[in-house]
C-alpha atoms as a PDB file:
ATOM      1  CA  MET A   1       0.911  33.169  32.571  1.00  0.00           C
ATOM      2  CA  GLU A   2      -1.230  32.326  29.559  1.00  0.00           C
ATOM      3  CA  GLY A   3       1.612  30.190  28.228  1.00  0.00           C
ATOM      4  CA  VAL A   4       1.725  28.116  31.378  1.00  0.00           C
ATOM      5  CA  ILE A   5      -2.048  27.683  31.370  1.00  0.00           C
ATOM      6  CA  SER A   6      -2.076  26.626  27.707  1.00  0.00           C
ATOM      7  CA  VAL A   7       0.666  24.070  28.309  1.00  0.00           C
ATOM      8  CA  VAL A   8      -1.194  22.615  31.276  1.00  0.00           C
ATOM      9  CA  ASP A   9      -4.529  22.650  29.433  1.00  0.00           C
ATOM     10  CA  HIS A  10      -3.393  21.217  26.103  1.00  0.00           C
ATOM     11  CA  ASP A  11      -0.435  18.982  26.866  1.00  0.00           C
ATOM     12  CA  ALA A  12       0.526  15.890  28.829  1.00  0.00           C
ATOM     13  CA  PRO A  13       0.281  17.135  32.461  1.00  0.00           C
ATOM     14  CA  ILE A  14      -3.546  17.022  32.484  1.00  0.00           C
ATOM     15  CA  ASP A  15      -3.523  13.574  30.889  1.00  0.00           C
ATOM     16  CA  LEU A  16      -1.014  12.401  33.480  1.00  0.00           C
ATOM     17  CA  ILE A  17      -3.136  13.783  36.333  1.00  0.00           C
ATOM     18  CA  HIS A  18      -6.227  12.064  34.940  1.00  0.00           C
ATOM     19  CA  TYR A  19      -4.297   8.806  34.504  1.00  0.00           C
ATOM     20  CA  VAL A  20      -2.952   8.886  38.047  1.00  0.00           C
ATOM     21  CA  ALA A  21      -6.388   9.663  39.486  1.00  0.00           C
ATOM     22  CA  ALA A  22      -8.060   6.934  37.447  1.00  0.00           C
ATOM     23  CA  ARG A  23      -5.350   4.446  38.384  1.00  0.00           C
ATOM     24  CA  ALA A  24      -5.773   5.272  42.079  1.00  0.00           C
ATOM     25  CA  ARG A  25      -9.536   4.726  41.833  1.00  0.00           C
ATOM     26  CA  LEU A  26      -8.979   1.449  39.986  1.00  0.00           C
ATOM     27  CA  ASP A  27      -6.474   0.222  42.561  1.00  0.00           C
ATOM     28  CA  SER A  28      -8.807   1.064  45.443  1.00  0.00           C
ATOM     29  CA  ALA A  29     -11.722  -0.645  43.683  1.00  0.00           C
ATOM     30  CA  ILE A  30      -9.639  -3.778  43.114  1.00  0.00           C
ATOM     31  CA  ALA A  31      -8.502  -3.752  46.736  1.00  0.00           C
ATOM     32  CA  ALA A  32     -12.101  -3.428  47.929  1.00  0.00           C
ATOM     33  CA  TRP A  33     -13.200  -6.225  45.583  1.00  0.00           C
ATOM     34  CA  ASN A  34     -10.404  -8.524  46.778  1.00  0.00           C
ATOM     35  CA  HIS A  35     -11.191  -7.749  50.415  1.00  0.00           C
ATOM     36  CA  ARG A  36     -14.881  -8.485  49.857  1.00  0.00           C
ATOM     37  CA  ALA A  37     -14.037 -11.699  47.992  1.00  0.00           C
ATOM     38  CA  THR A  38     -11.785 -12.962  50.786  1.00  0.00           C
ATOM     39  CA  THR A  39     -14.213 -12.040  53.570  1.00  0.00           C
ATOM     40  CA  THR A  40     -17.330 -13.482  51.888  1.00  0.00           C
ATOM     41  CA  ARG A  41     -15.761 -16.726  50.643  1.00  0.00           C
ATOM     42  CA  ALA A  42     -17.424 -19.779  52.130  1.00  0.00           C
ATOM     43  CA  PRO A  43     -15.216 -21.629  54.597  1.00  0.00           C
ATOM     44  CA  PRO A  44     -13.966 -25.013  53.377  1.00  0.00           C
ATOM     45  CA  SER A  45     -16.092 -27.866  54.622  1.00  0.00           C
END
Protein backbone atom coordinates (compact mmCIF):
# COMPACT_ATOMS: atom_id res chain seq x y z
CA MET A 1 0.00 0.00 0.00
CA GLU A 2 2.85 2.38 0.76
CA GLY A 3 4.13 1.86 -2.77
CA VAL A 4 0.84 2.93 -4.28
CA ILE A 5 0.67 5.98 -2.03
CA SER A 6 4.24 7.01 -2.88
CA VAL A 7 3.56 6.69 -6.60
CA VAL A 8 0.42 8.80 -6.32
CA ASP A 9 2.12 11.36 -4.07
CA HIS A 10 5.38 11.77 -5.98
CA ASP A 11 4.57 11.06 -9.61
CA ALA A 12 2.42 12.30 -12.47
CA PRO A 13 -1.11 11.34 -11.30
CA ILE A 14 -1.30 14.21 -8.77
CA ASP A 15 0.03 16.66 -11.35
CA LEU A 16 -2.54 15.42 -13.85
CA ILE A 17 -5.36 15.80 -11.31
CA HIS A 18 -4.23 19.34 -10.50
CA TYR A 19 -3.96 20.17 -14.21
CA VAL A 20 -7.43 18.85 -14.97
CA ALA A 21 -8.95 20.71 -12.02
CA ALA A 22 -7.19 23.95 -12.93
CA ARG A 23 -8.19 23.58 -16.57
CA ALA A 24 -11.83 23.03 -15.58
CA ARG A 25 -11.78 26.17 -13.42
CA LEU A 26 -10.16 28.14 -16.25
CA ASP A 27 -12.72 26.93 -18.78
CA SER A 28 -15.62 27.83 -16.50
CA ALA A 29 -14.11 31.26 -15.81
CA ILE A 30 -13.70 31.91 -19.53
CA ALA A 31 -17.26 30.77 -20.19
CA ALA A 32 -18.57 33.08 -17.47
CA TRP A 33 -16.48 35.97 -18.83
CA ASN A 34 -17.73 35.39 -22.38
CA HIS A 35 -21.33 35.15 -21.18
CA ARG A 36 -20.98 38.39 -19.22
CA ALA A 37 -19.33 40.10 -22.20
CA THR A 38 -22.12 39.09 -24.58
CA THR A 39 -24.92 40.01 -22.17
CA THR A 40 -23.48 43.40 -21.15
CA ARG A 41 -22.42 44.56 -24.62
CA ALA A 42 -24.19 47.72 -25.68
CA PRO A 43 -26.70 47.16 -28.47
CA PRO A 44 -25.69 48.64 -31.83
CA SER A 45 -27.23 52.03 -32.43
